[in-house]
């Protein structure tokens, strides 16, 4: 609310209309936040692109992190904690790699902080 009142950009991701945990995001959208349907919505609104997003947009390949994407099942998904445990990684090391994989369309975030692998 304060960001909106201060003229700052506010983005929100909608959730299920049946979930109480989606109420805050929905309220932000009602109050003027921009709805994020995909990462492209965010990149189109910002005056810059992070290096990873710019590389993807230009069609260049990034380090694939294939071993990370491979541990995520395509159906029910894993939480970040479960993935970190399986990979033997700290969450703060894994999180940016998950973000990059999501930008590249290799994995998708689900409600409940779960991720699934997308079939290529």
PDB file of N, CA and C in Angstrom:
ATOM      1  N   UNK A   1       0.832  -1.185   0.000  1.00  0.00           N
ATOM      2  CA  UNK A   1       0.000   0.000   0.000  1.00  0.00           C
ATOM      3  C   UNK A   1       0.870   1.239   0.000  1.00  0.00           C
ATOM      4  N   UNK A   2       1.893   1.262   0.846  1.00  0.00           N
ATOM      5  CA  UNK A   2       2.773   2.434   0.920  1.00  0.00           C
ATOM      6  C   UNK A   2       3.519   2.664  -0.388  1.00  0.00           C
ATOM      7  N   UNK A   3       3.935   1.589  -1.032  1.00  0.00           N
ATOM      8  CA  UNK A   3       4.624   1.725  -2.317  1.00  0.00           C
ATOM      9  C   UNK A   3       3.688   2.326  -3.362  1.00  0.00           C
ATOM     10  N   UNK A   4       2.456   1.848  -3.398  1.00  0.00           N
ATOM     11  CA  UNK A   4       1.495   2.400  -4.349  1.00  0.00           C
ATOM     12  C   UNK A   4       1.240   3.875  -4.072  1.00  0.00           C
ATOM     13  N   UNK A   5       1.058   4.206  -2.801  1.00  0.00           N
ATOM     14  CA  UNK A   5       0.811   5.599  -2.427  1.00  0.00           C
ATOM     15  C   UNK A   5       2.013   6.479  -2.745  1.00  0.00           C
ATOM     16  N   UNK A   6       3.198   5.917  -2.692  1.00  0.00           N
ATOM     17  CA  UNK A   6       4.415   6.658  -2.986  1.00  0.00           C
ATOM     18  C   UNK A   6       4.763   6.702  -4.459  1.00  0.00           C
ATOM     19  N   UNK A   7       3.896   6.172  -5.302  1.00  0.00           N
ATOM     20  CA  UNK A   7       4.138   6.195  -6.739  1.00  0.00           C
ATOM     21  C   UNK A   7       5.154   5.179  -7.209  1.00  0.00           C
ATOM     22  N   UNK A   8       5.429   4.168  -6.409  1.00  0.00           N
ATOM     23  CA  UNK A   8       6.394   3.127  -6.779  1.00  0.00           C
ATOM     24  C   UNK A   8       5.696   2.029  -7.579  1.00  0.00           C
ATOM     25  N   UNK A   9       6.461   1.362  -8.424  1.00  0.00           N
ATOM     26  CA  UNK A   9       5.932   0.225  -9.177  1.00  0.00           C
ATOM     27  C   UNK A   9       5.653  -0.920  -8.210  1.00  0.00           C
ATOM     28  N   UNK A  10       4.483  -1.499  -8.317  1.00  0.00           N
ATOM     29  CA  UNK A  10       4.128  -2.652  -7.497  1.00  0.00           C
ATOM     30  C   UNK A  10       3.587  -3.726  -8.434  1.00  0.00           C
ATOM     31  N   UNK A  11       4.088  -4.935  -8.270  1.00  0.00           N
ATOM     32  CA  UNK A  11       3.662  -6.062  -9.083  1.00  0.00           C
ATOM     33  C   UNK A  11       3.107  -7.131  -8.155  1.00  0.00           C
ATOM     34  N   UNK A  12       2.141  -7.891  -8.638  1.00  0.00           N
ATOM     35  CA  UNK A  12       1.563  -8.968  -7.832  1.00  0.00           C
ATOM     36  C   UNK A  12       1.247 -10.153  -8.728  1.00  0.00           C
ATOM     37  N   UNK A  13       1.413 -11.329  -8.163  1.00  0.00           N
ATOM     38  CA  UNK A  13       1.098 -12.573  -8.856  1.00  0.00           C
ATOM     39  C   UNK A  13      -0.226 -13.088  -8.299  1.00  0.00           C
ATOM     40  N   UNK A  14      -1.206 -13.293  -9.161  1.00  0.00           N
ATOM     41  CA  UNK A  14      -2.494 -13.783  -8.664  1.00  0.00           C
ATOM     42  C   UNK A  14      -2.387 -15.236  -8.236  1.00  0.00           C
ATOM     43  N   UNK A  15      -3.298 -15.629  -7.398  1.00  0.00           N
ATOM     44  CA  UNK A  15      -3.368 -17.015  -6.954  1.00  0.00           C
ATOM     45  C   UNK A  15      -4.790 -17.515  -7.072  1.00  0.00           C
ATOM     46  N   UNK A  16      -5.037 -18.643  -6.489  1.00  0.00           N
ATOM     47  CA  UNK A  16      -6.369 -19.238  -6.530  1.00  0.00           C
ATOM     48  C   UNK A  16      -7.373 -18.358  -5.780  1.00  0.00           C
ATOM     49  N   UNK A  17      -8.554 -18.204  -6.360  1.00  0.00           N
ATOM     50  CA  UNK A  17      -9.594 -17.426  -5.687  1.00  0.00           C
ATOM     51  C   UNK A  17     -10.141 -18.164  -4.468  1.00  0.00           C
ATOM     52  N   UNK A  18      -9.796 -19.419  -4.336  1.00  0.00           N
ATOM     53  CA  UNK A  18     -10.287 -20.228  -3.222  1.00  0.00           C
ATOM     54  C   UNK A  18      -9.301 -20.300  -2.060  1.00  0.00           C
ATOM     55  N   UNK A  19      -8.137 -19.667  -2.213  1.00  0.00           N
ATOM     56  CA  UNK A  19      -7.098 -19.744  -1.196  1.00  0.00           C
ATOM     57  C   UNK A  19      -6.978 -18.423  -0.445  1.00  0.00           C
ATOM     58  N   UNK A  20      -6.985 -18.502   0.878  1.00  0.00           N
ATOM     59  CA  UNK A  20      -6.816 -17.299   1.687  1.00  0.00           C
ATOM     60  C   UNK A  20      -5.425 -16.693   1.511  1.00  0.00           C
ATOM     61  N   UNK A  21      -4.446 -17.518   1.167  1.00  0.00           N
ATOM     62  CA  UNK A  21      -3.089 -17.002   1.004  1.00  0.00           C
ATOM     63  C   UNK A  21      -2.951 -16.130  -0.247  1.00  0.00           C
ATOM     64  N   UNK A  22      -3.919 -16.170  -1.135  1.00  0.00           N
ATOM     65  CA  UNK A  22      -3.889 -15.334  -2.335  1.00  0.00           C
ATOM     66  C   UNK A  22      -4.535 -13.975  -2.108  1.00  0.00           C
ATOM     67  N   UNK A  23      -5.162 -13.791  -0.972  1.00  0.00           N
ATOM     68  CA  UNK A  23      -5.925 -12.579  -0.712  1.00  0.00           C
ATOM     69  C   UNK A  23      -5.069 -11.305  -0.814  1.00  0.00           C
ATOM     70  N   UNK A  24      -3.866 -11.326  -0.272  1.00  0.00           N
ATOM     71  CA  UNK A  24      -3.010 -10.138  -0.302  1.00  0.00           C
ATOM     72  C   UNK A  24      -2.638  -9.721  -1.711  1.00  0.00           C
ATOM     73  N   UNK A  25      -2.242 -10.690  -2.535  1.00  0.00           N
ATOM     74  CA  UNK A  25      -1.894 -10.383  -3.924  1.00  0.00           C
ATOM     75  C   UNK A  25      -3.083  -9.854  -4.698  1.00  0.00           C
ATOM     76  N   UNK A  26      -4.233 -10.453  -4.471  1.00  0.00           N
ATOM     77  CA  UNK A  26      -5.442  -9.998  -5.163  1.00  0.00           C
ATOM     78  C   UNK A  26      -5.820  -8.578  -4.738  1.00  0.00           C
ATOM     79  N   UNK A  27      -5.663  -8.288  -3.462  1.00  0.00           N
ATOM     80  CA  UNK A  27      -5.968  -6.939  -2.966  1.00  0.00           C
ATOM     81  C   UNK A  27      -5.014  -5.926  -3.605  1.00  0.00           C
ATOM     82  N   UNK A  28      -3.730  -6.277  -3.718  1.00  0.00           N
ATOM     83  CA  UNK A  28      -2.773  -5.382  -4.364  1.00  0.00           C
ATOM     84  C   UNK A  28      -3.181  -5.091  -5.810  1.00  0.00           C
ATOM     85  N   UNK A  29      -3.609  -6.107  -6.524  1.00  0.00           N
ATOM     86  CA  UNK A  29      -4.035  -5.930  -7.914  1.00  0.00           C
ATOM     87  C   UNK A  29      -5.259  -5.016  -7.972  1.00  0.00           C
ATOM     88  N   UNK A  30      -6.218  -5.234  -7.069  1.00  0.00           N
ATOM     89  CA  UNK A  30      -7.397  -4.368  -7.022  1.00  0.00           C
ATOM     90  C   UNK A  30      -7.011  -2.918  -6.743  1.00  0.00           C
ATOM     91  N   UNK A  31      -5.975  -2.729  -5.938  1.00  0.00           N
ATOM     92  CA  UNK A  31      -5.563  -1.384  -5.545  1.00  0.00           C
ATOM     93  C   UNK A  31      -4.613  -0.723  -6.549  1.00  0.00           C
ATOM     94  N   UNK A  32      -4.290  -1.415  -7.635  1.00  0.00           N
ATOM     95  CA  UNK A  32      -3.483  -0.790  -8.669  1.00  0.00           C
ATOM     96  C   UNK A  32      -2.163  -1.444  -8.995  1.00  0.00           C
ATOM     97  N   UNK A  33      -1.811  -2.520  -8.317  1.00  0.00           N
ATOM     98  CA  UNK A  33      -0.569  -3.219  -8.661  1.00  0.00           C
ATOM     99  C   UNK A  33      -0.721  -3.841 -10.047  1.00  0.00           C
ATOM    100  N   UNK A  34       0.395  -3.978 -10.746  1.00  0.00           N
ATOM    101  CA  UNK A  34       0.365  -4.599 -12.067  1.00  0.00           C
ATOM    102  C   UNK A  34       0.397  -6.106 -11.904  1.00  0.00           C
ATOM    103  N   UNK A  35      -0.476  -6.758 -12.622  1.00  0.00           N
ATOM    104  CA  UNK A  35      -0.583  -8.207 -12.560  1.00  0.00           C
ATOM    105  C   UNK A  35       0.574  -8.845 -13.321  1.00  0.00           C
ATOM    106  N   UNK A  36       1.244  -9.795 -12.688  1.00  0.00           N
ATOM    107  CA  UNK A  36       2.310 -10.546 -13.342  1.00  0.00           C
ATOM    108  C   UNK A  36       1.769 -11.906 -13.735  1.00  0.00           C
ATOM    109  N   UNK A  37       1.708 -12.134 -15.013  1.00  0.00           N
ATOM    110  CA  UNK A  37       1.269 -13.435 -15.516  1.00  0.00           C
ATOM    111  C   UNK A  37       2.477 -14.304 -15.834  1.00  0.00           C
ATOM    112  N   UNK A  38       3.566 -13.648 -16.242  1.00  0.00           N
ATOM    113  CA  UNK A  38       4.803 -14.356 -16.554  1.00  0.00           C
ATOM    114  C   UNK A  38       5.973 -13.414 -16.313  1.00  0.00           C
ATOM    115  N   UNK A  39       7.179 -13.940 -16.376  1.00  0.00           N
ATOM    116  CA  UNK A  39       8.365 -13.111 -16.189  1.00  0.00           C
ATOM    117  C   UNK A  39       8.460 -12.055 -17.288  1.00  0.00           C
ATOM    118  N   UNK A  40       7.953 -12.343 -18.468  1.00  0.00           N
ATOM    119  CA  UNK A  40       7.977 -11.355 -19.544  1.00  0.00           C
ATOM    120  C   UNK A  40       7.215 -10.098 -19.155  1.00  0.00           C
ATOM    121  N   UNK A  41       6.126 -10.245 -18.397  1.00  0.00           N
ATOM    122  CA  UNK A  41       5.380  -9.074 -17.929  1.00  0.00           C
ATOM    123  C   UNK A  41       6.282  -8.162 -17.105  1.00  0.00           C
ATOM    124  N   UNK A  42       7.105  -8.751 -16.265  1.00  0.00           N
ATOM    125  CA  UNK A  42       8.012  -7.957 -15.436  1.00  0.00           C
ATOM    126  C   UNK A  42       9.086  -7.296 -16.290  1.00  0.00           C
ATOM    127  N   UNK A  43       9.716  -8.064 -17.169  1.00  0.00           N
ATOM    128  CA  UNK A  43      10.803  -7.513 -17.987  1.00  0.00           C
ATOM    129  C   UNK A  43      10.297  -6.398 -18.891  1.00  0.00           C
ATOM    130  N   UNK A  44       9.058  -6.500 -19.365  1.00  0.00           N
ATOM    131  CA  UNK A  44       8.509  -5.462 -20.238  1.00  0.00           C
ATOM    132  C   UNK A  44       8.232  -4.166 -19.489  1.00  0.00           C
ATOM    133  N   UNK A  45       8.065  -4.223 -18.194  1.00  0.00           N
ATOM    134  CA  UNK A  45       7.777  -3.034 -17.391  1.00  0.00           C
ATOM    135  C   UNK A  45       9.030  -2.344 -16.867  1.00  0.00           C
ATOM    136  N   UNK A  46      10.105  -3.076 -16.722  1.00  0.00           N
ATOM    137  CA  UNK A  46      11.318  -2.508 -16.144  1.00  0.00           C
ATOM    138  C   UNK A  46      12.166  -1.826 -17.212  1.00  0.00           C
ATOM    139  N   UNK A  47      12.897  -0.771 -16.834  1.00  0.00           N
ATOM    140  CA  UNK A  47      13.717  -0.067 -17.803  1.00  0.00           C
ATOM    141  C   UNK A  47      15.026  -0.788 -18.135  1.00  0.00           C
ATOM    142  N   UNK A  48      15.269  -1.926 -17.530  1.00  0.00           N
ATOM    143  CA  UNK A  48      16.494  -2.685 -17.773  1.00  0.00           C
ATOM    144  C   UNK A  48      16.151  -4.162 -17.737  1.00  0.00           C
ATOM    145  N   UNK A  49      17.072  -4.963 -18.200  1.00  0.00           N
ATOM    146  CA  UNK A  49      16.943  -6.412 -18.096  1.00  0.00           C
ATOM    147  C   UNK A  49      18.185  -6.927 -17.399  1.00  0.00           C
ATOM    148  N   UNK A  50      18.016  -7.823 -16.414  1.00  0.00           N
ATOM    149  CA  UNK A  50      19.209  -8.416 -15.813  1.00  0.00           C
ATOM    150  C   UNK A  50      19.971  -9.205 -16.882  1.00  0.00           C
ATOM    151  N   UNK A  51      21.270  -9.402 -16.708  1.00  0.00           N
ATOM    152  CA  UNK A  51      22.063 -10.074 -17.737  1.00  0.00           C
ATOM    153  C   UNK A  51      21.497 -11.415 -18.181  1.00  0.00           C
ATOM    154  N   UNK A  52      20.982 -12.218 -17.255  1.00  0.00           N
ATOM    155  CA  UNK A  52      20.444 -13.523 -17.638  1.00  0.00           C
ATOM    156  C   UNK A  52      19.218 -13.367 -18.518  1.00  0.00           C
ATOM    157  N   UNK A  53      18.327 -12.447 -18.193  1.00  0.00           N
ATOM    158  CA  UNK A  53      17.118 -12.235 -18.992  1.00  0.00           C
ATOM    159  C   UNK A  53      17.477 -11.678 -20.366  1.00  0.00           C
ATOM    160  N   UNK A  54      18.452 -10.787 -20.420  1.00  0.00           N
ATOM    161  CA  UNK A  54      18.878 -10.216 -21.695  1.00  0.00           C
ATOM    162  C   UNK A  54      19.475 -11.299 -22.590  1.00  0.00           C
ATOM    163  N   UNK A  55      20.241 -12.212 -22.021  1.00  0.00           N
ATOM    164  CA  UNK A  55      20.830 -13.297 -22.804  1.00  0.00           C
ATOM    165  C   UNK A  55      19.760 -14.206 -23.360  1.00  0.00           C
ATOM    166  N   UNK A  56      18.764 -14.525 -22.548  1.00  0.00           N
ATOM    167  CA  UNK A  56      17.669 -15.384 -23.010  1.00  0.00           C
ATOM    168  C   UNK A  56      16.908 -14.692 -24.133  1.00  0.00           C
ATOM    169  N   UNK A  57      16.614 -13.392 -23.963  1.00  0.00           N
ATOM    170  CA  UNK A  57      15.877 -12.643 -24.981  1.00  0.00           C
ATOM    171  C   UNK A  57      16.650 -12.591 -26.293  1.00  0.00           C
ATOM    172  N   UNK A  58      17.971 -12.551 -26.204  1.00  0.00           N
ATOM    173  CA  UNK A  58      18.802 -12.487 -27.401  1.00  0.00           C
ATOM    174  C   UNK A  58      19.056 -13.869 -28.001  1.00  0.00           C
ATOM    175  N   UNK A  59      18.538 -14.916 -27.374  1.00  0.00           N
ATOM    176  CA  UNK A  59      18.699 -16.260 -27.896  1.00  0.00           C
ATOM    177  C   UNK A  59      20.019 -16.915 -27.539  1.00  0.00           C
ATOM    178  N   UNK A  60      20.812 -16.280 -26.666  1.00  0.00           N
ATOM    179  CA  UNK A  60      22.080 -16.888 -26.254  1.00  0.00           C
ATOM    180  C   UNK A  60      21.802 -17.893 -25.152  1.00  0.00           C
ATOM    181  N   UNK A  61      22.614 -18.913 -25.095  1.00  0.00           N
ATOM    182  CA  UNK A  61      22.434 -19.915 -24.063  1.00  0.00           C
ATOM    183  C   UNK A  61      23.221 -19.536 -22.823  1.00  0.00           C
ATOM    184  N   UNK A  62      22.693 -19.879 -21.694  1.00  0.00           N
ATOM    185  CA  UNK A  62      23.367 -19.691 -20.422  1.00  0.00           C
ATOM    186  C   UNK A  62      23.812 -21.060 -19.934  1.00  0.00           C
ATOM    187  N   UNK A  63      24.585 -21.078 -18.882  1.00  0.00           N
ATOM    188  CA  UNK A  63      24.939 -22.367 -18.312  1.00  0.00           C
ATOM    189  C   UNK A  63      23.642 -23.083 -17.977  1.00  0.00           C
ATOM    190  N   UNK A  64      23.465 -24.300 -18.462  1.00  0.00           N
ATOM    191  CA  UNK A  64      22.150 -24.927 -18.395  1.00  0.00           C
ATOM    192  C   UNK A  64      21.656 -25.334 -17.010  1.00  0.00           C
ATOM    193  N   UNK A  65      22.527 -25.546 -16.055  1.00  0.00           N
ATOM    194  CA  UNK A  65      22.107 -26.045 -14.745  1.00  0.00           C
ATOM    195  C   UNK A  65      21.213 -27.288 -14.916  1.00  0.00           C
ATOM    196  N   UNK A  66      21.539 -28.091 -15.921  1.00  0.00           N
ATOM    197  CA  UNK A  66      20.729 -29.266 -16.220  1.00  0.00           C
ATOM    198  C   UNK A  66      20.608 -30.230 -15.064  1.00  0.00           C
ATOM    199  N   UNK A  67      21.679 -30.355 -14.277  1.00  0.00           N
ATOM    200  CA  UNK A  67      21.628 -31.271 -13.137  1.00  0.00           C
ATOM    201  C   UNK A  67      20.624 -30.784 -12.103  1.00  0.00           C
ATOM    202  N   UNK A  68      20.420 -29.483 -12.021  1.00  0.00           N
ATOM    203  CA  UNK A  68      19.429 -28.956 -11.073  1.00  0.00           C
ATOM    204  C   UNK A  68      18.026 -29.195 -11.614  1.00  0.00           C
ATOM    205  N   UNK A  69      17.781 -28.837 -12.864  1.00  0.00           N
ATOM    206  CA  UNK A  69      16.452 -29.012 -13.454  1.00  0.00           C
ATOM    207  C   UNK A  69      16.033 -30.477 -13.439  1.00  0.00           C
ATOM    208  N   UNK A  70      16.988 -31.376 -13.616  1.00  0.00           N
ATOM    209  CA  UNK A  70      16.678 -32.804 -13.725  1.00  0.00           C
ATOM    210  C   UNK A  70      16.087 -33.397 -12.450  1.00  0.00           C
ATOM    211  N   UNK A  71      16.350 -32.807 -11.291  1.00  0.00           N
ATOM    212  CA  UNK A  71      15.836 -33.407 -10.058  1.00  0.00           C
ATOM    213  C   UNK A  71      14.361 -33.100  -9.827  1.00  0.00           C
ATOM    214  N   UNK A  72      13.820 -32.119 -10.561  1.00  0.00           N
ATOM    215  CA  UNK A  72      12.422 -31.751 -10.360  1.00  0.00           C
ATOM    216  C   UNK A  72      11.520 -32.637 -11.203  1.00  0.00           C
ATOM    217  N   UNK A  73      10.538 -33.288 -10.565  1.00  0.00           N
ATOM    218  CA  UNK A  73       9.598 -34.083 -11.348  1.00  0.00           C
ATOM    219  C   UNK A  73       8.658 -33.163 -12.136  1.00  0.00           C
ATOM    220  N   UNK A  74       8.113 -33.642 -13.245  1.00  0.00           N
ATOM    221  CA  UNK A  74       7.239 -32.792 -14.042  1.00  0.00           C
ATOM    222  C   UNK A  74       5.811 -32.684 -13.516  1.00  0.00           C
ATOM    223  N   UNK A  75       5.501 -33.414 -12.455  1.00  0.00           N
ATOM    224  CA  UNK A  75       4.115 -33.406 -11.988  1.00  0.00           C
ATOM    225  C   UNK A  75       3.931 -32.687 -10.657  1.00  0.00           C
ATOM    226  N   UNK A  76       4.260 -33.299  -9.533  1.00  0.00           N
ATOM    227  CA  UNK A  76       3.942 -32.702  -8.233  1.00  0.00           C
ATOM    228  C   UNK A  76       4.970 -31.700  -7.714  1.00  0.00           C
ATOM    229  N   UNK A  77       6.202 -31.770  -8.157  1.00  0.00           N
ATOM    230  CA  UNK A  77       7.203 -30.789  -7.798  1.00  0.00           C
ATOM    231  C   UNK A  77       7.879 -31.018  -6.459  1.00  0.00           C
ATOM    232  N   UNK A  78       8.882 -30.195  -6.219  1.00  0.00           N
ATOM    233  CA  UNK A  78       9.657 -30.215  -4.977  1.00  0.00           C
ATOM    234  C   UNK A  78       9.710 -28.805  -4.416  1.00  0.00           C
ATOM    235  N   UNK A  79       9.838 -28.714  -3.110  1.00  0.00           N
ATOM    236  CA  UNK A  79      10.060 -27.408  -2.494  1.00  0.00           C
ATOM    237  C   UNK A  79      11.544 -27.060  -2.639  1.00  0.00           C
ATOM    238  N   UNK A  80      11.869 -25.812  -2.397  1.00  0.00           N
ATOM    239  CA  UNK A  80      13.262 -25.379  -2.450  1.00  0.00           C
ATOM    240  C   UNK A  80      14.077 -26.134  -1.406  1.00  0.00           C
ATOM    241  N   UNK A  81      13.509 -26.335  -0.232  1.00  0.00           N
ATOM    242  CA  UNK A  81      14.215 -27.075   0.823  1.00  0.00           C
ATOM    243  C   UNK A  81      14.518 -28.500   0.377  1.00  0.00           C
ATOM    244  N   UNK A  82      13.531 -29.174  -0.226  1.00  0.00           N
ATOM    245  CA  UNK A  82      13.741 -30.546  -0.695  1.00  0.00           C
ATOM    246  C   UNK A  82      14.817 -30.588  -1.781  1.00  0.00           C
ATOM    247  N   UNK A  83      14.769 -29.627  -2.704  1.00  0.00           N
ATOM    248  CA  UNK A  83      15.757 -29.584  -3.785  1.00  0.00           C
ATOM    249  C   UNK A  83      17.159 -29.334  -3.231  1.00  0.00           C
ATOM    250  N   UNK A  84      17.266 -28.404  -2.291  1.00  0.00           N
ATOM    251  CA  UNK A  84      18.573 -28.108  -1.695  1.00  0.00           C
ATOM    252  C   UNK A  84      19.141 -29.342  -1.004  1.00  0.00           C
ATOM    253  N   UNK A  85      18.287 -30.074  -0.315  1.00  0.00           N
ATOM    254  CA  UNK A  85      18.738 -31.289   0.368  1.00  0.00           C
ATOM    255  C   UNK A  85      19.197 -32.341  -0.641  1.00  0.00           C
ATOM    256  N   UNK A  86      18.417 -32.556  -1.706  1.00  0.00           N
ATOM    257  CA  UNK A  86      18.792 -33.548  -2.720  1.00  0.00           C
ATOM    258  C   UNK A  86      20.101 -33.205  -3.408  1.00  0.00           C
ATOM    259  N   UNK A  87      20.311 -31.906  -3.643  1.00  0.00           N
ATOM    260  CA  UNK A  87      21.508 -31.462  -4.359  1.00  0.00           C
ATOM    261  C   UNK A  87      22.697 -31.224  -3.444  1.00  0.00           C
ATOM    262  N   UNK A  88      22.449 -31.181  -2.137  1.00  0.00           N
ATOM    263  CA  UNK A  88      23.515 -30.878  -1.201  1.00  0.00           C
ATOM    264  C   UNK A  88      23.986 -29.437  -1.325  1.00  0.00           C
ATOM    265  N   UNK A  89      23.038 -28.531  -1.611  1.00  0.00           N
ATOM    266  CA  UNK A  89      23.358 -27.107  -1.786  1.00  0.00           C
ATOM    267  C   UNK A  89      22.683 -26.294  -0.705  1.00  0.00           C
ATOM    268  N   UNK A  90      23.275 -25.156  -0.408  1.00  0.00           N
ATOM    269  CA  UNK A  90      22.619 -24.212   0.487  1.00  0.00           C
ATOM    270  C   UNK A  90      21.541 -23.483  -0.315  1.00  0.00           C
ATOM    271  N   UNK A  91      20.472 -23.116   0.349  1.00  0.00           N
ATOM    272  CA  UNK A  91      19.351 -22.461  -0.328  1.00  0.00           C
ATOM    273  C   UNK A  91      19.777 -21.155  -0.979  1.00  0.00           C
ATOM    274  N   UNK A  92      20.637 -20.388  -0.331  1.00  0.00           N
ATOM    275  CA  UNK A  92      21.055 -19.109  -0.907  1.00  0.00           C
ATOM    276  C   UNK A  92      21.889 -19.275  -2.172  1.00  0.00           C
ATOM    277  N   UNK A  93      22.473 -20.457  -2.372  1.00  0.00           N
ATOM    278  CA  UNK A  93      23.192 -20.756  -3.611  1.00  0.00           C
ATOM    279  C   UNK A  93      22.216 -21.268  -4.667  1.00  0.00           C
ATOM    280  N   UNK A  94      21.251 -22.068  -4.239  1.00  0.00           N
ATOM    281  CA  UNK A  94      20.290 -22.669  -5.158  1.00  0.00           C
ATOM    282  C   UNK A  94      19.268 -21.664  -5.688  1.00  0.00           C
ATOM    283  N   UNK A  95      18.791 -20.758  -4.865  1.00  0.00           N
ATOM    284  CA  UNK A  95      17.691 -19.855  -5.243  1.00  0.00           C
ATOM    285  C   UNK A  95      17.959 -19.072  -6.530  1.00  0.00           C
ATOM    286  N   UNK A  96      19.133 -18.442  -6.706  1.00  0.00           N
ATOM    287  CA  UNK A  96      19.339 -17.718  -7.966  1.00  0.00           C
ATOM    288  C   UNK A  96      19.376 -18.632  -9.184  1.00  0.00           C
ATOM    289  N   UNK A  97      19.836 -19.853  -8.992  1.00  0.00           N
ATOM    290  CA  UNK A  97      19.859 -20.807 -10.111  1.00  0.00           C
ATOM    291  C   UNK A  97      18.442 -21.220 -10.484  1.00  0.00           C
ATOM    292  N   UNK A  98      17.577 -21.372  -9.473  1.00  0.00           N
ATOM    293  CA  UNK A  98      16.178 -21.688  -9.762  1.00  0.00           C
ATOM    294  C   UNK A  98      15.522 -20.537 -10.518  1.00  0.00           C
ATOM    295  N   UNK A  99      15.831 -19.324 -10.114  1.00  0.00           N
ATOM    296  CA  UNK A  99      15.291 -18.153 -10.801  1.00  0.00           C
ATOM    297  C   UNK A  99      15.713 -18.154 -12.267  1.00  0.00           C
ATOM    298  N   UNK A 100      16.980 -18.438 -12.505  1.00  0.00           N
ATOM    299  CA  UNK A 100      17.491 -18.480 -13.880  1.00  0.00           C
ATOM    300  C   UNK A 100      16.801 -19.583 -14.680  1.00  0.00           C
ATOM    301  N   UNK A 101      16.643 -20.753 -14.075  1.00  0.00           N
ATOM    302  CA  UNK A 101      15.963 -21.853 -14.763  1.00  0.00           C
ATOM    303  C   UNK A 101      14.510 -21.504 -15.063  1.00  0.00           C
ATOM    304  N   UNK A 102      13.877 -20.793 -14.152  1.00  0.00           N
ATOM    305  CA  UNK A 102      12.492 -20.375 -14.388  1.00  0.00           C
ATOM    306  C   UNK A 102      12.427 -19.373 -15.545  1.00  0.00           C
ATOM    307  N   UNK A 103      13.365 -18.452 -15.594  1.00  0.00           N
ATOM    308  CA  UNK A 103      13.406 -17.482 -16.698  1.00  0.00           C
ATOM    309  C   UNK A 103      13.639 -18.176 -18.032  1.00  0.00           C
ATOM    310  N   UNK A 104      14.403 -19.237 -18.011  1.00  0.00           N
ATOM    311  CA  UNK A 104      14.717 -19.963 -19.245  1.00  0.00           C
ATOM    312  C   UNK A 104      13.610 -20.935 -19.646  1.00  0.00           C
ATOM    313  N   UNK A 105      12.577 -21.074 -18.810  1.00  0.00           N
ATOM    314  CA  UNK A 105      11.471 -21.968 -19.142  1.00  0.00           C
ATOM    315  C   UNK A 105      11.776 -23.429 -18.895  1.00  0.00           C
ATOM    316  N   UNK A 106      12.759 -23.703 -18.027  1.00  0.00           N
ATOM    317  CA  UNK A 106      13.108 -25.093 -17.718  1.00  0.00           C
ATOM    318  C   UNK A 106      12.313 -25.634 -16.538  1.00  0.00           C
ATOM    319  N   UNK A 107      11.958 -24.745 -15.595  1.00  0.00           N
ATOM    320  CA  UNK A 107      11.132 -25.130 -14.452  1.00  0.00           C
ATOM    321  C   UNK A 107      10.044 -24.080 -14.284  1.00  0.00           C
ATOM    322  N   UNK A 108       9.026 -24.430 -13.482  1.00  0.00           N
ATOM    323  CA  UNK A 108       7.935 -23.498 -13.223  1.00  0.00           C
ATOM    324  C   UNK A 108       7.613 -23.532 -11.742  1.00  0.00           C
ATOM    325  N   UNK A 109       7.373 -22.361 -11.172  1.00  0.00           N
ATOM    326  CA  UNK A 109       7.004 -22.266  -9.766  1.00  0.00           C
ATOM    327  C   UNK A 109       5.513 -22.541  -9.623  1.00  0.00           C
ATOM    328  N   UNK A 110       5.168 -23.306  -8.605  1.00  0.00           N
ATOM    329  CA  UNK A 110       3.779 -23.611  -8.279  1.00  0.00           C
ATOM    330  C   UNK A 110       3.439 -22.973  -6.938  1.00  0.00           C
ATOM    331  N   UNK A 111       2.159 -22.857  -6.623  1.00  0.00           N
ATOM    332  CA  UNK A 111       1.793 -22.382  -5.279  1.00  0.00           C
ATOM    333  C   UNK A 111       2.429 -23.278  -4.214  1.00  0.00           C
ATOM    334  N   UNK A 112       2.743 -22.680  -3.092  1.00  0.00           N
ATOM    335  CA  UNK A 112       3.364 -23.437  -2.016  1.00  0.00           C
ATOM    336  C   UNK A 112       4.869 -23.544  -2.162  1.00  0.00           C
ATOM    337  N   UNK A 113       5.462 -22.666  -2.972  1.00  0.00           N
ATOM    338  CA  UNK A 113       6.915 -22.651  -3.183  1.00  0.00           C
ATOM    339  C   UNK A 113       7.433 -23.995  -3.670  1.00  0.00           C
ATOM    340  N   UNK A 114       6.689 -24.604  -4.574  1.00  0.00           N
ATOM    341  CA  UNK A 114       7.099 -25.859  -5.188  1.00  0.00           C
ATOM    342  C   UNK A 114       7.479 -25.573  -6.644  1.00  0.00           C
ATOM    343  N   UNK A 115       8.391 -26.369  -7.177  1.00  0.00           N
ATOM    344  CA  UNK A 115       8.825 -26.215  -8.560  1.00  0.00           C
ATOM    345  C   UNK A 115       8.663 -27.540  -9.287  1.00  0.00           C
ATOM    346  N   UNK A 116       8.290 -27.460 -10.554  1.00  0.00           N
ATOM    347  CA  UNK A 116       8.218 -28.636 -11.432  1.00  0.00           C
ATOM    348  C   UNK A 116       9.083 -28.389 -12.650  1.00  0.00           C
ATOM    349  N   UNK A 117       9.581 -29.465 -13.214  1.00  0.00           N
ATOM    350  CA  UNK A 117      10.366 -29.384 -14.450  1.00  0.00           C
ATOM    351  C   UNK A 117       9.402 -29.304 -15.627  1.00  0.00           C
ATOM    352  N   UNK A 118       9.704 -28.449 -16.577  1.00  0.00           N
ATOM    353  CA  UNK A 118       8.896 -28.351 -17.790  1.00  0.00           C
ATOM    354  C   UNK A 118       9.536 -29.233 -18.843  1.00  0.00           C
ATOM    355  N   UNK A 119       8.726 -29.956 -19.540  1.00  0.00           N
ATOM    356  CA  UNK A 119       9.231 -30.831 -20.597  1.00  0.00           C
ATOM    357  C   UNK A 119       9.643 -29.971 -21.783  1.00  0.00           C
ATOM    358  N   UNK A 120      10.759 -30.321 -22.384  1.00  0.00           N
ATOM    359  CA  UNK A 120      11.250 -29.534 -23.523  1.00  0.00           C
ATOM    360  C   UNK A 120      10.660 -30.037 -24.805  1.00  0.00           C
TER     361      UNK A 120
END
